[in-house]
Amino acid sequence: MVAMTQFVARSSRSISPRRRCASGFTLIEIMVVLTIIAILVGIAAVRYDRSMVNAREAVLKQDLQALRGAIQQYTLDKQQAPQSLEDLASAGYLREVPVDPITRAKDWQLVYEDVMLSPDQTGSGLTDIHSKSDAVSSNDGTAYSSW
């Protein structure tokens, strides 16, 4: 029993002061980990921004396609072109006028032209629609207003 207590006493004294303090992280280790985390967050933020732009562009393309289809259907059904987007909504061709995802407003660039439905019937009305944004697509370099 005496030998055992001497061994325990010796083993507890044999731990050096330098070894007791080595159980934590050094300042350099913490700085390296924080730097790696900052780099990963920066990469994620750039990818998130790019995916948001791609999503807005996809919604714009889909909205333009739906609006142009509604304009054509209204013109064929009513035998005259609509005078505004509200005409499409009130006639039931749209639930509501969509918001332009690029400008985040209902400020579409409307194109009015003379529409000739038959040789004896002509009239002026809404024929096409574009985004009012002056921005350029990052994917293909074209202006949103030309879509």
Foldseek 3Di string as FASTA:
>chain_A
DVVVVVVVVVVVVVDDPVNVVPPDDDPVVVVVVVVVVVVVVVVVVVVVVVVLLVVLVVVQVVLQVLQLVLQVVCCVVVVHGAADVVVSCVVPSDVDQDANSVVRHSDKDWDKDWDDPDPVDIDIHTNHIFHPDQDARPPPGHGRRVD
